[in-house]
Amino acid sequence: MSGTGDLFGPAICPGRRLNGRVTATLQAGQGGGTYDFVTAAVSDLPVTYEGIPGDRHYGLTRLSGAREPWYPRGTEMRNDRQISLLAVEELAEIAAGLDIPSVKAEWLGGNIVVEGLPQFSMIPPRTRLMFAGGVVIGIEGQNAPCKYAGQMVADAHPGRPEIALDFVKVAKRLRGLVGWVERPGVITPGEEVVARIPEHWAYAPAG
């Protein structure tokens, strides 16, 4: 990790700005697939404070699941997973790891695909993605790969059932990010996006 620090404290990484571009916008509920998990391309993506209207993750709140073991399953909580974001470069890396020609964002339930933001899945929480059209997405954190998404990839490759489980390993820390809408508006393919990355650090106290 780059950054400053001392022998008795964590390395501090300064804040910075990175420039990228939107390559695709997608939405569930467009005839994309089973249980509205699979998304389909749309020419523009309106977002509100609740997320993407009609999308399976739409809403100011959501119910807790396996990712929140500190709550009884089904507890209502703030929806910090309204938007799923993926990177062109990381989709290609996953495909190479699975030995297939490509991995499509829609198979993974993606909503926004970007390019030009290095190590996209490693961008830290509290980052703001600021889109040229005015939308701002607050980043909650990484989107961990799951067998269900892996099964969608496997279904697209008959004769390769092992992909469903292999995906979980290959896509670790490459599965993109999830976030919530801080400023609503419309996102369109081709527009520029700026990642405003805050000062951050690795918290690893001794003991």
C-alpha atoms as a PDB file:
ATOM      1  CA  MET A   1       0.000   0.000   0.000  1.00  0.00           C
ATOM      2  CA  SER A   2       1.293   3.457  -0.857  1.00  0.00           C
ATOM      3  CA  GLY A   3       0.876   6.327   1.541  1.00  0.00           C
ATOM      4  CA  THR A   4       2.381   7.909   4.597  1.00  0.00           C
ATOM      5  CA  GLY A   5       2.517   6.673   8.178  1.00  0.00           C
ATOM      6  CA  ASP A   6       4.918   5.721  10.930  1.00  0.00           C
ATOM      7  CA  LEU A   7       6.148   2.559  12.628  1.00  0.00           C
ATOM      8  CA  PHE A   8       3.291   2.667  15.123  1.00  0.00           C
ATOM      9  CA  GLY A   9       0.344   3.534  12.955  1.00  0.00           C
ATOM     10  CA  PRO A  10      -1.388   2.647   9.687  1.00  0.00           C
ATOM     11  CA  ALA A  11      -0.296   3.925   6.304  1.00  0.00           C
ATOM     12  CA  ILE A  12      -2.413   6.897   5.319  1.00  0.00           C
ATOM     13  CA  CYS A  13      -3.356   7.128   1.645  1.00  0.00           C
ATOM     14  CA  PRO A  14      -4.152  10.687   0.549  1.00  0.00           C
ATOM     15  CA  GLY A  15      -7.356  11.545  -1.221  1.00  0.00           C
ATOM     16  CA  ARG A  16      -7.308  11.819  -4.999  1.00  0.00           C
ATOM     17  CA  ARG A  17      -9.458  12.099  -8.105  1.00  0.00           C
ATOM     18  CA  LEU A  18      -9.578   9.614 -10.972  1.00  0.00           C
ATOM     19  CA  ASN A  19     -11.333  10.037 -14.314  1.00  0.00           C
ATOM     20  CA  GLY A  20     -13.282   7.317 -16.094  1.00  0.00           C
ATOM     21  CA  ARG A  21     -16.160   6.814 -18.497  1.00  0.00           C
ATOM     22  CA  VAL A  22     -19.511   5.021 -18.466  1.00  0.00           C
ATOM     23  CA  THR A  23     -19.675   2.287 -21.104  1.00  0.00           C
ATOM     24  CA  ALA A  24     -23.102   0.790 -20.328  1.00  0.00           C
ATOM     25  CA  THR A  25     -26.207   1.311 -18.224  1.00  0.00           C
ATOM     26  CA  LEU A  26     -28.433  -1.645 -17.333  1.00  0.00           C
ATOM     27  CA  GLN A  27     -31.602  -2.333 -15.413  1.00  0.00           C
ATOM     28  CA  ALA A  28     -33.459  -5.366 -14.123  1.00  0.00           C
ATOM     29  CA  GLY A  29     -37.101  -5.894 -14.978  1.00  0.00           C
ATOM     30  CA  GLN A  30     -36.409  -5.414 -18.717  1.00  0.00           C
ATOM     31  CA  GLY A  31     -36.997  -9.035 -19.696  1.00  0.00           C
ATOM     32  CA  GLY A  32     -33.457  -9.810 -18.661  1.00  0.00           C
ATOM     33  CA  GLY A  33     -33.733 -13.045 -16.701  1.00  0.00           C
ATOM     34  CA  THR A  34     -34.800 -15.177 -13.777  1.00  0.00           C
ATOM     35  CA  TYR A  35     -36.158 -13.322 -10.718  1.00  0.00           C
ATOM     36  CA  ASP A  36     -35.088 -10.004 -12.277  1.00  0.00           C
ATOM     37  CA  PHE A  37     -31.481 -10.683 -11.254  1.00  0.00           C
ATOM     38  CA  VAL A  38     -30.129 -10.509 -14.782  1.00  0.00           C
ATOM     39  CA  THR A  39     -30.171  -6.974 -16.161  1.00  0.00           C
ATOM     40  CA  ALA A  40     -30.512  -5.628 -19.681  1.00  0.00           C
ATOM     41  CA  ALA A  41     -29.018  -2.590 -21.405  1.00  0.00           C
ATOM     42  CA  VAL A  42     -30.985   0.664 -21.429  1.00  0.00           C
ATOM     43  CA  SER A  43     -30.192   3.863 -23.319  1.00  0.00           C
ATOM     44  CA  ASP A  44     -30.375   5.949 -20.162  1.00  0.00           C
ATOM     45  CA  LEU A  45     -30.648   5.140 -16.487  1.00  0.00           C
ATOM     46  CA  PRO A  46     -32.828   7.403 -14.311  1.00  0.00           C
ATOM     47  CA  VAL A  47     -31.980   7.156 -10.608  1.00  0.00           C
ATOM     48  CA  THR A  48     -33.792   8.586  -7.596  1.00  0.00           C
ATOM     49  CA  TYR A  49     -32.957   8.654  -3.908  1.00  0.00           C
ATOM     50  CA  GLU A  50     -34.544   5.185  -3.774  1.00  0.00           C
ATOM     51  CA  GLY A  51     -32.279   3.831  -6.495  1.00  0.00           C
ATOM     52  CA  ILE A  52     -33.345   2.665  -9.975  1.00  0.00           C
ATOM     53  CA  PRO A  53     -37.140   2.595 -10.448  1.00  0.00           C
ATOM     54  CA  GLY A  54     -38.276  -0.920 -11.326  1.00  0.00           C
ATOM     55  CA  ASP A  55     -34.956  -2.516 -10.354  1.00  0.00           C
ATOM     56  CA  ARG A  56     -34.925  -5.379  -7.828  1.00  0.00           C
ATOM     57  CA  HIS A  57     -32.750  -3.325  -5.422  1.00  0.00           C
ATOM     58  CA  TYR A  58     -34.989  -0.248  -5.521  1.00  0.00           C
ATOM     59  CA  GLY A  59     -35.951   1.307  -2.181  1.00  0.00           C
ATOM     60  CA  LEU A  60     -34.723   3.488   0.660  1.00  0.00           C
ATOM     61  CA  THR A  61     -34.607   0.414   2.877  1.00  0.00           C
ATOM     62  CA  ARG A  62     -33.948  -3.293   2.377  1.00  0.00           C
ATOM     63  CA  LEU A  63     -34.120  -6.483   4.416  1.00  0.00           C
ATOM     64  CA  SER A  64     -30.953  -7.852   5.998  1.00  0.00           C
ATOM     65  CA  GLY A  65     -29.516 -11.149   4.769  1.00  0.00           C
ATOM     66  CA  ALA A  66     -26.400 -13.284   5.043  1.00  0.00           C
ATOM     67  CA  ARG A  67     -24.159 -10.222   4.637  1.00  0.00           C
ATOM     68  CA  GLU A  68     -25.486  -8.770   7.926  1.00  0.00           C
ATOM     69  CA  PRO A  69     -25.133 -11.533  10.544  1.00  0.00           C
ATOM     70  CA  TRP A  70     -25.445  -8.942  13.340  1.00  0.00           C
ATOM     71  CA  TYR A  71     -29.183  -8.631  12.551  1.00  0.00           C
ATOM     72  CA  PRO A  72     -31.860 -11.318  12.546  1.00  0.00           C
ATOM     73  CA  ARG A  73     -32.419 -12.153   8.876  1.00  0.00           C
ATOM     74  CA  GLY A  74     -35.183 -10.010   7.408  1.00  0.00           C
ATOM     75  CA  THR A  75     -34.556  -6.948   9.584  1.00  0.00           C
ATOM     76  CA  GLU A  76     -35.403  -3.713   7.801  1.00  0.00           C
ATOM     77  CA  MET A  77     -32.344  -1.504   7.354  1.00  0.00           C
ATOM     78  CA  ARG A  78     -31.064   1.355   5.201  1.00  0.00           C
ATOM     79  CA  ASN A  79     -30.510   0.303   1.601  1.00  0.00           C
ATOM     80  CA  ASP A  80     -26.809   0.734   0.906  1.00  0.00           C
ATOM     81  CA  ARG A  81     -26.891  -1.634  -2.090  1.00  0.00           C
ATOM     82  CA  GLN A  82     -29.130   0.267  -4.521  1.00  0.00           C
ATOM     83  CA  ILE A  83     -26.638   0.272  -7.399  1.00  0.00           C
ATOM     84  CA  SER A  84     -24.258  -2.408  -8.717  1.00  0.00           C
ATOM     85  CA  LEU A  85     -21.192  -1.088 -10.562  1.00  0.00           C
ATOM     86  CA  LEU A  86     -18.695  -3.065 -12.641  1.00  0.00           C
ATOM     87  CA  ALA A  87     -15.532  -2.302 -14.616  1.00  0.00           C
ATOM     88  CA  VAL A  88     -14.753  -3.348 -18.192  1.00  0.00           C
ATOM     89  CA  GLU A  89     -11.197  -4.232 -17.247  1.00  0.00           C
ATOM     90  CA  GLU A  90     -12.225  -6.477 -14.341  1.00  0.00           C
ATOM     91  CA  LEU A  91     -14.905  -8.269 -16.361  1.00  0.00           C
ATOM     92  CA  ALA A  92     -12.165  -9.154 -18.860  1.00  0.00           C
ATOM     93  CA  GLU A  93      -9.940 -10.367 -16.019  1.00  0.00           C
ATOM     94  CA  ILE A  94     -12.711 -12.610 -14.674  1.00  0.00           C
ATOM     95  CA  ALA A  95     -13.346 -14.013 -18.147  1.00  0.00           C
ATOM     96  CA  ALA A  96      -9.650 -14.817 -18.569  1.00  0.00           C
ATOM     97  CA  GLY A  97      -9.612 -16.556 -15.193  1.00  0.00           C
ATOM     98  CA  LEU A  98     -12.606 -18.688 -16.204  1.00  0.00           C
ATOM     99  CA  ASP A  99     -11.181 -19.342 -19.690  1.00  0.00           C
ATOM    100  CA  ILE A 100     -14.224 -17.975 -21.489  1.00  0.00           C
ATOM    101  CA  PRO A 101     -14.413 -15.235 -24.156  1.00  0.00           C
ATOM    102  CA  SER A 102     -16.222 -12.680 -21.986  1.00  0.00           C
ATOM    103  CA  VAL A 103     -18.318 -12.070 -18.897  1.00  0.00           C
ATOM    104  CA  LYS A 104     -21.291  -9.817 -19.538  1.00  0.00           C
ATOM    105  CA  ALA A 105     -22.344  -7.307 -16.903  1.00  0.00           C
ATOM    106  CA  GLU A 106     -25.984  -8.345 -17.239  1.00  0.00           C
ATOM    107  CA  TRP A 107     -25.165 -11.893 -16.077  1.00  0.00           C
ATOM    108  CA  LEU A 108     -23.911 -10.372 -12.807  1.00  0.00           C
ATOM    109  CA  GLY A 109     -26.892  -8.094 -12.300  1.00  0.00           C
ATOM    110  CA  GLY A 110     -24.817  -4.988 -13.022  1.00  0.00           C
ATOM    111  CA  ASN A 111     -26.384  -1.535 -13.404  1.00  0.00           C
ATOM    112  CA  ILE A 112     -23.435   0.637 -14.454  1.00  0.00           C
ATOM    113  CA  VAL A 113     -20.263  -0.398 -16.280  1.00  0.00           C
ATOM    114  CA  VAL A 114     -17.258   1.938 -16.303  1.00  0.00           C
ATOM    115  CA  GLU A 115     -13.777   1.943 -17.765  1.00  0.00           C
ATOM    116  CA  GLY A 116     -10.568   3.780 -16.983  1.00  0.00           C
ATOM    117  CA  LEU A 117     -10.712   3.554 -13.166  1.00  0.00           C
ATOM    118  CA  PRO A 118      -7.777   1.303 -12.154  1.00  0.00           C
ATOM    119  CA  GLN A 119      -8.412  -1.541  -9.688  1.00  0.00           C
ATOM    120  CA  PHE A 120     -12.039  -0.468  -9.581  1.00  0.00           C
ATOM    121  CA  SER A 121     -13.169  -3.036  -7.008  1.00  0.00           C
ATOM    122  CA  MET A 122     -10.494  -1.802  -4.594  1.00  0.00           C
ATOM    123  CA  ILE A 123     -11.817   1.761  -4.533  1.00  0.00           C
ATOM    124  CA  PRO A 124     -12.546   2.428  -0.837  1.00  0.00           C
ATOM    125  CA  PRO A 125     -15.859   3.144   0.879  1.00  0.00           C
ATOM    126  CA  ARG A 126     -16.872   6.814   1.180  1.00  0.00           C
ATOM    127  CA  THR A 127     -15.727   7.440  -2.403  1.00  0.00           C
ATOM    128  CA  ARG A 128     -18.151   9.523  -4.451  1.00  0.00           C
ATOM    129  CA  LEU A 129     -18.630   8.676  -8.130  1.00  0.00           C
ATOM    130  CA  MET A 130     -19.618  11.967  -9.747  1.00  0.00           C
ATOM    131  CA  PHE A 131     -21.182  11.590 -13.188  1.00  0.00           C
ATOM    132  CA  ALA A 132     -21.024  14.363 -15.770  1.00  0.00           C
ATOM    133  CA  GLY A 133     -24.817  14.546 -15.944  1.00  0.00           C
ATOM    134  CA  GLY A 134     -25.041  15.397 -12.239  1.00  0.00           C
ATOM    135  CA  VAL A 135     -25.709  12.025 -10.576  1.00  0.00           C
ATOM    136  CA  VAL A 136     -23.580  11.182  -7.539  1.00  0.00           C
ATOM    137  CA  ILE A 137     -23.262   7.607  -6.222  1.00  0.00           C
ATOM    138  CA  GLY A 138     -21.825   7.017  -2.747  1.00  0.00           C
ATOM    139  CA  ILE A 139     -19.756   3.833  -2.546  1.00  0.00           C
ATOM    140  CA  GLU A 140     -20.592   1.390   0.241  1.00  0.00           C
ATOM    141  CA  GLY A 141     -17.954  -1.206  -0.609  1.00  0.00           C
ATOM    142  CA  GLN A 142     -17.107  -4.294  -2.629  1.00  0.00           C
ATOM    143  CA  ASN A 143     -19.754  -6.587  -4.057  1.00  0.00           C
ATOM    144  CA  ALA A 144     -18.672 -10.092  -3.038  1.00  0.00           C
ATOM    145  CA  PRO A 145     -19.090 -12.765  -5.755  1.00  0.00           C
ATOM    146  CA  CYS A 146     -21.744 -15.401  -5.106  1.00  0.00           C
ATOM    147  CA  LYS A 147     -22.744 -18.764  -6.535  1.00  0.00           C
ATOM    148  CA  TYR A 148     -25.964 -17.322  -7.930  1.00  0.00           C
ATOM    149  CA  ALA A 149     -24.103 -14.879 -10.172  1.00  0.00           C
ATOM    150  CA  GLY A 150     -21.704 -17.697 -11.034  1.00  0.00           C
ATOM    151  CA  GLN A 151     -24.654 -19.841 -12.070  1.00  0.00           C
ATOM    152  CA  MET A 152     -25.828 -17.135 -14.468  1.00  0.00           C
ATOM    153  CA  VAL A 153     -22.381 -17.210 -16.116  1.00  0.00           C
ATOM    154  CA  ALA A 154     -22.406 -21.019 -16.185  1.00  0.00           C
ATOM    155  CA  ASP A 155     -25.880 -21.068 -17.764  1.00  0.00           C
ATOM    156  CA  ALA A 156     -24.481 -19.042 -20.652  1.00  0.00           C
ATOM    157  CA  HIS A 157     -21.780 -21.683 -21.212  1.00  0.00           C
ATOM    158  CA  PRO A 158     -23.371 -25.134 -21.592  1.00  0.00           C
ATOM    159  CA  GLY A 159     -21.003 -27.932 -20.713  1.00  0.00           C
ATOM    160  CA  ARG A 160     -19.112 -25.822 -18.162  1.00  0.00           C
ATOM    161  CA  PRO A 161     -21.085 -26.357 -14.903  1.00  0.00           C
ATOM    162  CA  GLU A 162     -17.930 -25.845 -12.839  1.00  0.00           C
ATOM    163  CA  ILE A 163     -18.042 -22.146 -13.685  1.00  0.00           C
ATOM    164  CA  ALA A 164     -20.712 -21.559 -11.028  1.00  0.00           C
ATOM    165  CA  LEU A 165     -18.287 -22.347  -8.207  1.00  0.00           C
ATOM    166  CA  ASP A 166     -15.105 -21.249  -9.970  1.00  0.00           C
ATOM    167  CA  PHE A 167     -16.611 -17.793 -10.410  1.00  0.00           C
ATOM    168  CA  VAL A 168     -16.677 -17.238  -6.633  1.00  0.00           C
ATOM    169  CA  LYS A 169     -12.903 -17.744  -6.439  1.00  0.00           C
ATOM    170  CA  VAL A 170     -11.901 -16.078  -9.695  1.00  0.00           C
ATOM    171  CA  ALA A 171     -14.081 -12.975  -9.193  1.00  0.00           C
ATOM    172  CA  LYS A 172     -12.960 -12.269  -5.629  1.00  0.00           C
ATOM    173  CA  ARG A 173     -12.151  -8.540  -5.373  1.00  0.00           C
ATOM    174  CA  LEU A 174     -13.057  -8.135  -9.047  1.00  0.00           C
ATOM    175  CA  ARG A 175     -16.857  -8.229  -8.744  1.00  0.00           C
ATOM    176  CA  GLY A 176     -17.230  -4.454  -8.593  1.00  0.00           C
ATOM    177  CA  LEU A 177     -18.840  -2.147  -6.063  1.00  0.00           C
ATOM    178  CA  VAL A 178     -22.227  -1.402  -4.575  1.00  0.00           C
ATOM    179  CA  GLY A 179     -23.499   2.008  -3.609  1.00  0.00           C
ATOM    180  CA  TRP A 180     -26.424   4.305  -2.995  1.00  0.00           C
ATOM    181  CA  VAL A 181     -27.759   7.422  -4.664  1.00  0.00           C
ATOM    182  CA  GLU A 182     -26.582  10.656  -3.073  1.00  0.00           C
ATOM    183  CA  ARG A 183     -27.779  12.921  -5.897  1.00  0.00           C
ATOM    184  CA  PRO A 184     -30.428  11.751  -8.377  1.00  0.00           C
ATOM    185  CA  GLY A 185     -30.650  12.303 -12.105  1.00  0.00           C
ATOM    186  CA  VAL A 186     -29.989  10.354 -15.304  1.00  0.00           C
ATOM    187  CA  ILE A 187     -26.849   8.398 -16.245  1.00  0.00           C
ATOM    188  CA  THR A 188     -26.098   7.709 -19.906  1.00  0.00           C
ATOM    189  CA  PRO A 189     -23.454   5.580 -21.666  1.00  0.00           C
ATOM    190  CA  GLY A 190     -20.474   7.604 -22.830  1.00  0.00           C
ATOM    191  CA  GLU A 191     -20.540  10.225 -20.105  1.00  0.00           C
ATOM    192  CA  GLU A 192     -17.516  10.950 -17.966  1.00  0.00           C
ATOM    193  CA  VAL A 193     -17.328   9.963 -14.304  1.00  0.00           C
ATOM    194  CA  VAL A 194     -14.949  11.245 -11.638  1.00  0.00           C
ATOM    195  CA  ALA A 195     -14.094   9.113  -8.607  1.00  0.00           C
ATOM    196  CA  ARG A 196     -13.451  11.406  -5.647  1.00  0.00           C
ATOM    197  CA  ILE A 197     -11.497   9.103  -3.349  1.00  0.00           C
ATOM    198  CA  PRO A 198     -11.161  10.323   0.254  1.00  0.00           C
ATOM    199  CA  GLU A 199      -8.122  10.006   2.478  1.00  0.00           C
ATOM    200  CA  HIS A 200      -8.169   6.415   3.753  1.00  0.00           C
ATOM    201  CA  TRP A 201      -6.138   3.898   5.690  1.00  0.00           C
ATOM    202  CA  ALA A 202      -5.885   0.223   6.598  1.00  0.00           C
ATOM    203  CA  TYR A 203      -7.083  -0.325  10.175  1.00  0.00           C
ATOM    204  CA  ALA A 204      -5.154  -3.277  11.585  1.00  0.00           C
ATOM    205  CA  PRO A 205      -4.477  -2.750  15.300  1.00  0.00           C
ATOM    206  CA  ALA A 206      -2.194  -5.171  17.123  1.00  0.00           C
ATOM    207  CA  GLY A 207      -3.741  -7.742  19.421  1.00  0.00           C
END
